[in-house]
Amino acid sequence: MIANVTEIASFPALAPHAARMVLPLSEMIDSFVAETGLPGKHALVKFLEHVKANFPDEKYAEIQRHHLSPENLERMKRKGHKSLEHKYLDFPYWMRSKFKRAVDLQLQDYAGESILDIGAGPGHFGLVANYFGCDYWGLEMPLQPWSGTRRHVFDDLTEFFHVKRVIQEVRSLQKMESERRYRFLTCLMGNFCAVATPEGGTRPWTWGEWLFFLDNLVSDFMLPEHVMYFNINREHMSEEAKQKIHQFAESYDEARSLFSFRNLEMARVR
């Protein structure tokens, strides 16, 4: 049973999405398209029609019933959870920005190529990457389920959307292993590059920590000809790291904390 709209809207993070996120997936999409007034020939509408045709309402409803049950919402409320992740059940609302990002990154040019995405999240970017014919893999840390649920909502959503993942956490100065090589790396909401401090806060990675991370990616994950695109939380960028990245990146937009590397030669960076 899915909780009613009023119960869901009692969570501030869910309130703007409550009315749509309880609908069947196909109706959710139709409601969004009607609300936005997008023409039928629009590329996003064609993609959303593809989703309607290939991902059944009933399977999505199982996820909704499990994570939006009255019992689970009540447990989360008692424990003080803000339930930020559940907002992504409003699929078309969040999909719009991911589709635009995929188009901006020209993912269609990477059809048949391997992509590694740091932070698979609810699987929306992976879904559109697959739609464009990419061999997408999302790098994701192990996720702990919310109270009362068997799995985290992201685990259920990525499985529903057939998004492949590699479960491995990005940690400071900790080498990661990979079984495959990738042509393109993306990181759209980077929060990994911060370290907890004894005072209970966090500090951004030093350039040395970034250097270790980039060396690990180039040596163990990326093909010789590659592109790496990062969008990092500005609060998690030290001044030293920003200066060095600006020096070696192919492009760098400091205001939006966007930067990319192409065929990065670590011998030149060290």
C-alpha atoms as a PDB file:
ATOM      1  CA  MET A   1       0.000   0.000   0.000  1.00  0.00           C
ATOM      2  CA  ILE A   2       1.299   3.466  -0.928  1.00  0.00           C
ATOM      3  CA  ALA A   3       0.816   6.216   1.648  1.00  0.00           C
ATOM      4  CA  ASN A   4      -1.506   9.041   0.685  1.00  0.00           C
ATOM      5  CA  VAL A   5      -0.262  12.342  -0.676  1.00  0.00           C
ATOM      6  CA  THR A   6      -0.792  14.182   2.616  1.00  0.00           C
ATOM      7  CA  GLU A   7       1.370  11.692   4.524  1.00  0.00           C
ATOM      8  CA  ILE A   8       4.153  11.917   1.965  1.00  0.00           C
ATOM      9  CA  ALA A   9       3.973  15.716   1.794  1.00  0.00           C
ATOM     10  CA  SER A  10       4.574  15.916   5.553  1.00  0.00           C
ATOM     11  CA  PHE A  11       8.260  15.413   4.677  1.00  0.00           C
ATOM     12  CA  PRO A  12       9.496  18.805   3.391  1.00  0.00           C
ATOM     13  CA  ALA A  13      11.864  17.215   0.863  1.00  0.00           C
ATOM     14  CA  LEU A  14       9.013  15.176  -0.611  1.00  0.00           C
ATOM     15  CA  ALA A  15       6.243  17.794  -0.545  1.00  0.00           C
ATOM     16  CA  PRO A  16       6.897  19.256  -4.041  1.00  0.00           C
ATOM     17  CA  HIS A  17       6.804  15.752  -5.531  1.00  0.00           C
ATOM     18  CA  ALA A  18       4.143  14.017  -3.451  1.00  0.00           C
ATOM     19  CA  ALA A  19       1.205  14.314  -5.870  1.00  0.00           C
ATOM     20  CA  ARG A  20       3.098  12.868  -8.830  1.00  0.00           C
ATOM     21  CA  MET A  21       5.288  10.283  -7.121  1.00  0.00           C
ATOM     22  CA  VAL A  22       2.304   8.141  -6.080  1.00  0.00           C
ATOM     23  CA  LEU A  23       1.085   7.767  -9.689  1.00  0.00           C
ATOM     24  CA  PRO A  24       1.839   4.755 -11.893  1.00  0.00           C
ATOM     25  CA  LEU A  25       5.068   5.385 -13.776  1.00  0.00           C
ATOM     26  CA  SER A  26       3.363   5.876 -17.150  1.00  0.00           C
ATOM     27  CA  GLU A  27       0.835   8.339 -15.673  1.00  0.00           C
ATOM     28  CA  MET A  28       3.652  10.104 -13.849  1.00  0.00           C
ATOM     29  CA  ILE A  29       5.388  10.632 -17.185  1.00  0.00           C
ATOM     30  CA  ASP A  30       2.198  11.769 -18.936  1.00  0.00           C
ATOM     31  CA  SER A  31       1.476  14.230 -16.124  1.00  0.00           C
ATOM     32  CA  PHE A  32       4.977  15.684 -16.362  1.00  0.00           C
ATOM     33  CA  VAL A  33       4.865  16.036 -20.159  1.00  0.00           C
ATOM     34  CA  ALA A  34       1.460  17.749 -19.983  1.00  0.00           C
ATOM     35  CA  GLU A  35       2.649  20.081 -17.233  1.00  0.00           C
ATOM     36  CA  THR A  36       5.808  21.101 -19.096  1.00  0.00           C
ATOM     37  CA  GLY A  37       4.076  21.426 -22.460  1.00  0.00           C
ATOM     38  CA  LEU A  38       6.894  19.666 -24.300  1.00  0.00           C
ATOM     39  CA  PRO A  39       6.039  18.850 -27.941  1.00  0.00           C
ATOM     40  CA  GLY A  40       5.752  15.199 -28.945  1.00  0.00           C
ATOM     41  CA  LYS A  41       8.814  15.458 -31.202  1.00  0.00           C
ATOM     42  CA  HIS A  42      11.029  16.705 -28.375  1.00  0.00           C
ATOM     43  CA  ALA A  43      13.968  14.353 -27.731  1.00  0.00           C
ATOM     44  CA  LEU A  44      13.104  14.105 -24.019  1.00  0.00           C
ATOM     45  CA  VAL A  45       9.509  13.111 -24.807  1.00  0.00           C
ATOM     46  CA  LYS A  46      10.726  10.393 -27.169  1.00  0.00           C
ATOM     47  CA  PHE A  47      12.994   9.088 -24.428  1.00  0.00           C
ATOM     48  CA  LEU A  48      10.155   9.108 -21.889  1.00  0.00           C
ATOM     49  CA  GLU A  49       7.952   7.192 -24.353  1.00  0.00           C
ATOM     50  CA  HIS A  50      10.760   4.644 -24.581  1.00  0.00           C
ATOM     51  CA  VAL A  51      10.681   4.315 -20.785  1.00  0.00           C
ATOM     52  CA  LYS A  52       6.903   3.820 -20.788  1.00  0.00           C
ATOM     53  CA  ALA A  53       7.223   1.091 -23.410  1.00  0.00           C
ATOM     54  CA  ASN A  54      10.030  -0.821 -21.696  1.00  0.00           C
ATOM     55  CA  PHE A  55       9.600  -0.415 -17.933  1.00  0.00           C
ATOM     56  CA  PRO A  56       6.265  -1.704 -16.533  1.00  0.00           C
ATOM     57  CA  ASP A  57       4.103   0.243 -14.130  1.00  0.00           C
ATOM     58  CA  GLU A  58       3.559  -2.730 -11.846  1.00  0.00           C
ATOM     59  CA  LYS A  59       7.254  -3.298 -11.196  1.00  0.00           C
ATOM     60  CA  TYR A  60       7.694   0.380 -10.374  1.00  0.00           C
ATOM     61  CA  ALA A  61       4.636   0.210  -8.133  1.00  0.00           C
ATOM     62  CA  GLU A  62       6.337  -2.522  -6.101  1.00  0.00           C
ATOM     63  CA  ILE A  63       9.139  -0.066  -5.321  1.00  0.00           C
ATOM     64  CA  GLN A  64       6.627   2.662  -4.480  1.00  0.00           C
ATOM     65  CA  ARG A  65       4.627   0.372  -2.183  1.00  0.00           C
ATOM     66  CA  HIS A  66       7.743  -0.763  -0.371  1.00  0.00           C
ATOM     67  CA  HIS A  67       9.461   2.579   0.162  1.00  0.00           C
ATOM     68  CA  LEU A  68       6.370   4.789   0.440  1.00  0.00           C
ATOM     69  CA  SER A  69       4.300   2.559   2.690  1.00  0.00           C
ATOM     70  CA  PRO A  70       2.586   4.305   5.629  1.00  0.00           C
ATOM     71  CA  GLU A  71       4.529   2.066   8.016  1.00  0.00           C
ATOM     72  CA  ASN A  72       7.898   2.968   6.528  1.00  0.00           C
ATOM     73  CA  LEU A  73       7.132   6.681   6.461  1.00  0.00           C
ATOM     74  CA  GLU A  74       6.088   6.521  10.098  1.00  0.00           C
ATOM     75  CA  ARG A  75       9.327   4.755  11.046  1.00  0.00           C
ATOM     76  CA  MET A  76      11.370   7.365   9.212  1.00  0.00           C
ATOM     77  CA  LYS A  77       9.470  10.155  10.922  1.00  0.00           C
ATOM     78  CA  ARG A  78      10.066   8.652  14.374  1.00  0.00           C
ATOM     79  CA  LYS A  79      13.790   8.351  13.667  1.00  0.00           C
ATOM     80  CA  GLY A  80      14.021  11.879  12.274  1.00  0.00           C
ATOM     81  CA  HIS A  81      14.926  10.886   8.732  1.00  0.00           C
ATOM     82  CA  LYS A  82      14.545  13.682   6.186  1.00  0.00           C
ATOM     83  CA  SER A  83      14.133  11.143   3.389  1.00  0.00           C
ATOM     84  CA  LEU A  84      15.964  13.097   0.724  1.00  0.00           C
ATOM     85  CA  GLU A  85      16.485  10.075  -1.535  1.00  0.00           C
ATOM     86  CA  HIS A  86      12.809   9.173  -1.793  1.00  0.00           C
ATOM     87  CA  LYS A  87      12.176  12.319  -3.815  1.00  0.00           C
ATOM     88  CA  TYR A  88      13.794  10.561  -6.785  1.00  0.00           C
ATOM     89  CA  LEU A  89      10.713   8.360  -7.082  1.00  0.00           C
ATOM     90  CA  ASP A  90       9.289  11.353  -8.982  1.00  0.00           C
ATOM     91  CA  PHE A  91      11.131   9.939 -11.982  1.00  0.00           C
ATOM     92  CA  PRO A  92      10.378  12.411 -14.833  1.00  0.00           C
ATOM     93  CA  TYR A  93      11.100  15.495 -12.723  1.00  0.00           C
ATOM     94  CA  TRP A  94      14.683  14.409 -12.042  1.00  0.00           C
ATOM     95  CA  MET A  95      15.137  12.718 -15.382  1.00  0.00           C
ATOM     96  CA  ARG A  96      14.851  15.998 -17.260  1.00  0.00           C
ATOM     97  CA  SER A  97      18.133  17.395 -15.910  1.00  0.00           C
ATOM     98  CA  LYS A  98      19.975  14.106 -16.415  1.00  0.00           C
ATOM     99  CA  PHE A  99      18.764  13.867 -20.002  1.00  0.00           C
ATOM    100  CA  LYS A 100      19.948  17.421 -20.671  1.00  0.00           C
ATOM    101  CA  ARG A 101      23.336  16.643 -19.136  1.00  0.00           C
ATOM    102  CA  ALA A 102      23.643  13.530 -21.305  1.00  0.00           C
ATOM    103  CA  VAL A 103      22.859  15.583 -24.419  1.00  0.00           C
ATOM    104  CA  ASP A 104      25.317  18.315 -23.376  1.00  0.00           C
ATOM    105  CA  LEU A 105      28.004  15.649 -22.916  1.00  0.00           C
ATOM    106  CA  GLN A 106      27.123  14.244 -26.354  1.00  0.00           C
ATOM    107  CA  LEU A 107      26.665  10.715 -25.032  1.00  0.00           C
ATOM    108  CA  GLN A 108      25.294   9.698 -28.404  1.00  0.00           C
ATOM    109  CA  ASP A 109      28.873   9.964 -29.672  1.00  0.00           C
ATOM    110  CA  TYR A 110      29.884   7.286 -27.155  1.00  0.00           C
ATOM    111  CA  ALA A 111      27.442   4.631 -28.383  1.00  0.00           C
ATOM    112  CA  GLY A 112      29.135   1.259 -27.974  1.00  0.00           C
ATOM    113  CA  GLU A 113      31.783   2.777 -25.703  1.00  0.00           C
ATOM    114  CA  SER A 114      32.308   2.061 -22.004  1.00  0.00           C
ATOM    115  CA  ILE A 115      31.343   4.720 -19.443  1.00  0.00           C
ATOM    116  CA  LEU A 116      32.134   4.816 -15.737  1.00  0.00           C
ATOM    117  CA  ASP A 117      29.959   7.158 -13.679  1.00  0.00           C
ATOM    118  CA  ILE A 118      31.052   7.972 -10.122  1.00  0.00           C
ATOM    119  CA  GLY A 119      27.847   7.919  -8.096  1.00  0.00           C
ATOM    120  CA  ALA A 120      25.110   5.929  -9.857  1.00  0.00           C
ATOM    121  CA  GLY A 121      22.450   7.278  -7.471  1.00  0.00           C
ATOM    122  CA  PRO A 122      18.903   6.338  -8.520  1.00  0.00           C
ATOM    123  CA  GLY A 123      20.109   5.238 -11.963  1.00  0.00           C
ATOM    124  CA  HIS A 124      18.619   8.060 -14.041  1.00  0.00           C
ATOM    125  CA  PHE A 125      21.856   9.042 -15.805  1.00  0.00           C
ATOM    126  CA  GLY A 126      22.677   5.391 -16.369  1.00  0.00           C
ATOM    127  CA  LEU A 127      19.269   4.850 -17.916  1.00  0.00           C
ATOM    128  CA  VAL A 128      19.731   7.623 -20.474  1.00  0.00           C
ATOM    129  CA  ALA A 129      23.311   6.484 -21.176  1.00  0.00           C
ATOM    130  CA  ASN A 130      21.961   3.021 -21.982  1.00  0.00           C
ATOM    131  CA  TYR A 131      19.300   4.635 -24.175  1.00  0.00           C
ATOM    132  CA  PHE A 132      22.072   6.285 -26.200  1.00  0.00           C
ATOM    133  CA  GLY A 133      23.769   2.908 -26.631  1.00  0.00           C
ATOM    134  CA  CYS A 134      26.606   3.333 -24.132  1.00  0.00           C
ATOM    135  CA  ASP A 135      28.025   0.508 -22.024  1.00  0.00           C
ATOM    136  CA  TYR A 136      27.323   2.253 -18.728  1.00  0.00           C
ATOM    137  CA  TRP A 137      28.642   1.232 -15.317  1.00  0.00           C
ATOM    138  CA  GLY A 138      27.922   3.218 -12.177  1.00  0.00           C
ATOM    139  CA  LEU A 139      30.503   3.270  -9.382  1.00  0.00           C
ATOM    140  CA  GLU A 140      28.559   3.294  -6.116  1.00  0.00           C
ATOM    141  CA  MET A 141      29.424   2.916  -2.460  1.00  0.00           C
ATOM    142  CA  PRO A 142      27.616   0.231  -0.402  1.00  0.00           C
ATOM    143  CA  LEU A 143      24.258   1.717   0.584  1.00  0.00           C
ATOM    144  CA  GLN A 144      22.500   1.127   3.883  1.00  0.00           C
ATOM    145  CA  PRO A 145      18.710   0.698   3.697  1.00  0.00           C
ATOM    146  CA  TRP A 146      16.339   3.013   5.477  1.00  0.00           C
ATOM    147  CA  SER A 147      14.652   1.665   8.576  1.00  0.00           C
ATOM    148  CA  GLY A 148      12.065  -0.950   7.717  1.00  0.00           C
ATOM    149  CA  THR A 149      13.174  -1.518   4.110  1.00  0.00           C
ATOM    150  CA  ARG A 150      15.034  -4.539   2.816  1.00  0.00           C
ATOM    151  CA  ARG A 151      17.259  -2.425   0.564  1.00  0.00           C
ATOM    152  CA  HIS A 152      18.100   1.202  -0.147  1.00  0.00           C
ATOM    153  CA  VAL A 153      15.740   2.849  -2.628  1.00  0.00           C
ATOM    154  CA  PHE A 154      18.676   3.420  -5.022  1.00  0.00           C
ATOM    155  CA  ASP A 155      19.372  -0.317  -5.081  1.00  0.00           C
ATOM    156  CA  ASP A 156      15.798  -1.010  -6.141  1.00  0.00           C
ATOM    157  CA  LEU A 157      15.680   1.785  -8.731  1.00  0.00           C
ATOM    158  CA  THR A 158      18.951   0.894 -10.448  1.00  0.00           C
ATOM    159  CA  GLU A 159      17.866  -2.735 -10.644  1.00  0.00           C
ATOM    160  CA  PHE A 160      14.496  -1.727 -12.108  1.00  0.00           C
ATOM    161  CA  PHE A 161      16.156   0.435 -14.774  1.00  0.00           C
ATOM    162  CA  HIS A 162      18.740  -2.300 -15.612  1.00  0.00           C
ATOM    163  CA  VAL A 163      21.621  -0.030 -14.647  1.00  0.00           C
ATOM    164  CA  LYS A 164      24.884  -1.891 -14.055  1.00  0.00           C
ATOM    165  CA  ARG A 165      26.910  -0.929 -11.024  1.00  0.00           C
ATOM    166  CA  VAL A 166      30.295  -1.537  -9.448  1.00  0.00           C
ATOM    167  CA  ILE A 167      30.017  -1.421  -5.665  1.00  0.00           C
ATOM    168  CA  GLN A 168      33.194   0.231  -4.418  1.00  0.00           C
ATOM    169  CA  GLU A 169      33.695   3.323  -2.301  1.00  0.00           C
ATOM    170  CA  VAL A 170      35.986   6.189  -3.281  1.00  0.00           C
ATOM    171  CA  ARG A 171      38.171   6.940  -0.276  1.00  0.00           C
ATOM    172  CA  SER A 172      41.171   9.169   0.283  1.00  0.00           C
ATOM    173  CA  LEU A 173      44.489   7.479  -0.602  1.00  0.00           C
ATOM    174  CA  GLN A 174      42.785   4.091  -0.983  1.00  0.00           C
ATOM    175  CA  LYS A 175      43.485   2.271  -4.230  1.00  0.00           C
ATOM    176  CA  MET A 176      40.486   0.952  -6.142  1.00  0.00           C
ATOM    177  CA  GLU A 177      40.460  -2.062  -8.455  1.00  0.00           C
ATOM    178  CA  SER A 178      38.714  -2.467 -11.793  1.00  0.00           C
ATOM    179  CA  GLU A 179      37.963  -5.465 -14.007  1.00  0.00           C
ATOM    180  CA  ARG A 180      37.408  -3.345 -17.134  1.00  0.00           C
ATOM    181  CA  ARG A 181      38.622  -0.224 -18.893  1.00  0.00           C
ATOM    182  CA  TYR A 182      36.514   2.804 -19.773  1.00  0.00           C
ATOM    183  CA  ARG A 183      36.551   5.402 -22.551  1.00  0.00           C
ATOM    184  CA  PHE A 184      34.597   8.061 -20.647  1.00  0.00           C
ATOM    185  CA  LEU A 185      34.299   8.863 -16.942  1.00  0.00           C
ATOM    186  CA  THR A 186      31.622  11.113 -15.494  1.00  0.00           C
ATOM    187  CA  CYS A 187      30.978  12.450 -12.022  1.00  0.00           C
ATOM    188  CA  LEU A 188      27.883  14.643 -11.906  1.00  0.00           C
ATOM    189  CA  MET A 189      27.439  15.309  -8.192  1.00  0.00           C
ATOM    190  CA  GLY A 190      30.853  14.768  -6.640  1.00  0.00           C
ATOM    191  CA  ASN A 191      30.929  14.710  -2.856  1.00  0.00           C
ATOM    192  CA  PHE A 192      33.515  11.969  -2.427  1.00  0.00           C
ATOM    193  CA  CYS A 193      36.531  14.283  -2.075  1.00  0.00           C
ATOM    194  CA  ALA A 194      36.080  15.265   1.568  1.00  0.00           C
ATOM    195  CA  VAL A 195      37.610  13.689   4.663  1.00  0.00           C
ATOM    196  CA  ALA A 196      36.119  13.633   8.159  1.00  0.00           C
ATOM    197  CA  THR A 197      38.038  15.649  10.765  1.00  0.00           C
ATOM    198  CA  PRO A 198      38.457  14.830  14.488  1.00  0.00           C
ATOM    199  CA  GLU A 199      36.282  17.865  15.272  1.00  0.00           C
ATOM    200  CA  GLY A 200      33.329  16.254  13.526  1.00  0.00           C
ATOM    201  CA  GLY A 201      33.468  18.298  10.340  1.00  0.00           C
ATOM    202  CA  THR A 202      35.085  17.638   6.973  1.00  0.00           C
ATOM    203  CA  ARG A 203      38.006  18.998   4.983  1.00  0.00           C
ATOM    204  CA  PRO A 204      38.477  18.940   1.202  1.00  0.00           C
ATOM    205  CA  TRP A 205      41.060  16.674  -0.384  1.00  0.00           C
ATOM    206  CA  THR A 206      44.563  18.003  -0.754  1.00  0.00           C
ATOM    207  CA  TRP A 207      46.179  18.000  -4.193  1.00  0.00           C
ATOM    208  CA  GLY A 208      48.176  14.946  -3.069  1.00  0.00           C
ATOM    209  CA  GLU A 209      44.939  13.054  -2.476  1.00  0.00           C
ATOM    210  CA  TRP A 210      43.599  14.146  -5.865  1.00  0.00           C
ATOM    211  CA  LEU A 211      46.861  13.092  -7.496  1.00  0.00           C
ATOM    212  CA  PHE A 212      46.591   9.609  -5.966  1.00  0.00           C
ATOM    213  CA  PHE A 213      42.975   9.336  -7.138  1.00  0.00           C
ATOM    214  CA  LEU A 214      43.664  10.504 -10.704  1.00  0.00           C
ATOM    215  CA  ASP A 215      46.664   8.189 -10.961  1.00  0.00           C
ATOM    216  CA  ASN A 216      44.477   5.279  -9.841  1.00  0.00           C
ATOM    217  CA  LEU A 217      41.855   6.128 -12.463  1.00  0.00           C
ATOM    218  CA  VAL A 218      44.322   6.539 -15.334  1.00  0.00           C
ATOM    219  CA  SER A 219      46.388   3.468 -14.395  1.00  0.00           C
ATOM    220  CA  ASP A 220      43.589   1.041 -13.527  1.00  0.00           C
ATOM    221  CA  PHE A 221      40.302   2.247 -15.017  1.00  0.00           C
ATOM    222  CA  MET A 222      40.735   4.309 -18.162  1.00  0.00           C
ATOM    223  CA  LEU A 223      41.686   3.401 -21.710  1.00  0.00           C
ATOM    224  CA  PRO A 224      44.735   5.235 -23.136  1.00  0.00           C
ATOM    225  CA  GLU A 225      42.389   7.508 -25.103  1.00  0.00           C
ATOM    226  CA  HIS A 226      39.873   8.747 -22.569  1.00  0.00           C
ATOM    227  CA  VAL A 227      37.883  11.685 -21.262  1.00  0.00           C
ATOM    228  CA  MET A 228      37.144  12.329 -17.574  1.00  0.00           C
ATOM    229  CA  TYR A 229      34.442  14.861 -16.687  1.00  0.00           C
ATOM    230  CA  PHE A 230      33.863  16.071 -13.115  1.00  0.00           C
ATOM    231  CA  ASN A 231      31.243  18.269 -11.485  1.00  0.00           C
ATOM    232  CA  ILE A 232      32.373  18.578  -7.858  1.00  0.00           C
ATOM    233  CA  ASN A 233      30.754  20.211  -4.851  1.00  0.00           C
ATOM    234  CA  ARG A 234      32.589  23.538  -4.550  1.00  0.00           C
ATOM    235  CA  GLU A 235      32.812  23.178  -0.768  1.00  0.00           C
ATOM    236  CA  HIS A 236      34.930  20.067  -1.296  1.00  0.00           C
ATOM    237  CA  MET A 237      37.594  21.748  -3.425  1.00  0.00           C
ATOM    238  CA  SER A 238      40.725  23.118  -1.728  1.00  0.00           C
ATOM    239  CA  GLU A 239      42.460  26.154  -3.192  1.00  0.00           C
ATOM    240  CA  GLU A 240      45.564  24.081  -3.916  1.00  0.00           C
ATOM    241  CA  ALA A 241      43.537  21.434  -5.760  1.00  0.00           C
ATOM    242  CA  LYS A 242      41.701  24.088  -7.782  1.00  0.00           C
ATOM    243  CA  GLN A 243      44.970  25.686  -8.867  1.00  0.00           C
ATOM    244  CA  LYS A 244      46.513  22.378  -9.923  1.00  0.00           C
ATOM    245  CA  ILE A 245      43.396  21.161 -11.706  1.00  0.00           C
ATOM    246  CA  HIS A 246      43.173  24.463 -13.569  1.00  0.00           C
ATOM    247  CA  GLN A 247      46.767  23.900 -14.680  1.00  0.00           C
ATOM    248  CA  PHE A 248      46.287  20.386 -16.061  1.00  0.00           C
ATOM    249  CA  ALA A 249      42.611  20.147 -17.031  1.00  0.00           C
ATOM    250  CA  GLU A 250      41.511  20.453 -20.638  1.00  0.00           C
ATOM    251  CA  SER A 251      38.657  22.692 -19.502  1.00  0.00           C
ATOM    252  CA  TYR A 252      37.824  24.245 -16.137  1.00  0.00           C
ATOM    253  CA  ASP A 253      34.814  26.296 -15.087  1.00  0.00           C
ATOM    254  CA  GLU A 254      35.626  27.290 -11.511  1.00  0.00           C
ATOM    255  CA  ALA A 255      32.313  29.068 -10.920  1.00  0.00           C
ATOM    256  CA  ARG A 256      30.360  25.858 -11.562  1.00  0.00           C
ATOM    257  CA  SER A 257      33.177  23.566 -10.385  1.00  0.00           C
ATOM    258  CA  LEU A 258      33.255  21.715 -13.711  1.00  0.00           C
ATOM    259  CA  PHE A 259      36.458  20.369 -15.214  1.00  0.00           C
ATOM    260  CA  SER A 260      37.562  17.694 -17.648  1.00  0.00           C
ATOM    261  CA  PHE A 261      40.729  15.832 -18.602  1.00  0.00           C
ATOM    262  CA  ARG A 262      41.507  14.251 -21.956  1.00  0.00           C
ATOM    263  CA  ASN A 263      44.122  11.502 -22.260  1.00  0.00           C
ATOM    264  CA  LEU A 264      45.670  12.635 -18.988  1.00  0.00           C
ATOM    265  CA  GLU A 265      49.426  11.903 -18.810  1.00  0.00           C
ATOM    266  CA  MET A 266      50.271  11.363 -15.163  1.00  0.00           C
ATOM    267  CA  ALA A 267      54.001  11.792 -15.785  1.00  0.00           C
ATOM    268  CA  ARG A 268      53.262  15.387 -16.769  1.00  0.00           C
ATOM    269  CA  VAL A 269      51.003  15.997 -13.764  1.00  0.00           C
ATOM    270  CA  ARG A 270      53.282  14.615 -11.042  1.00  0.00           C
END
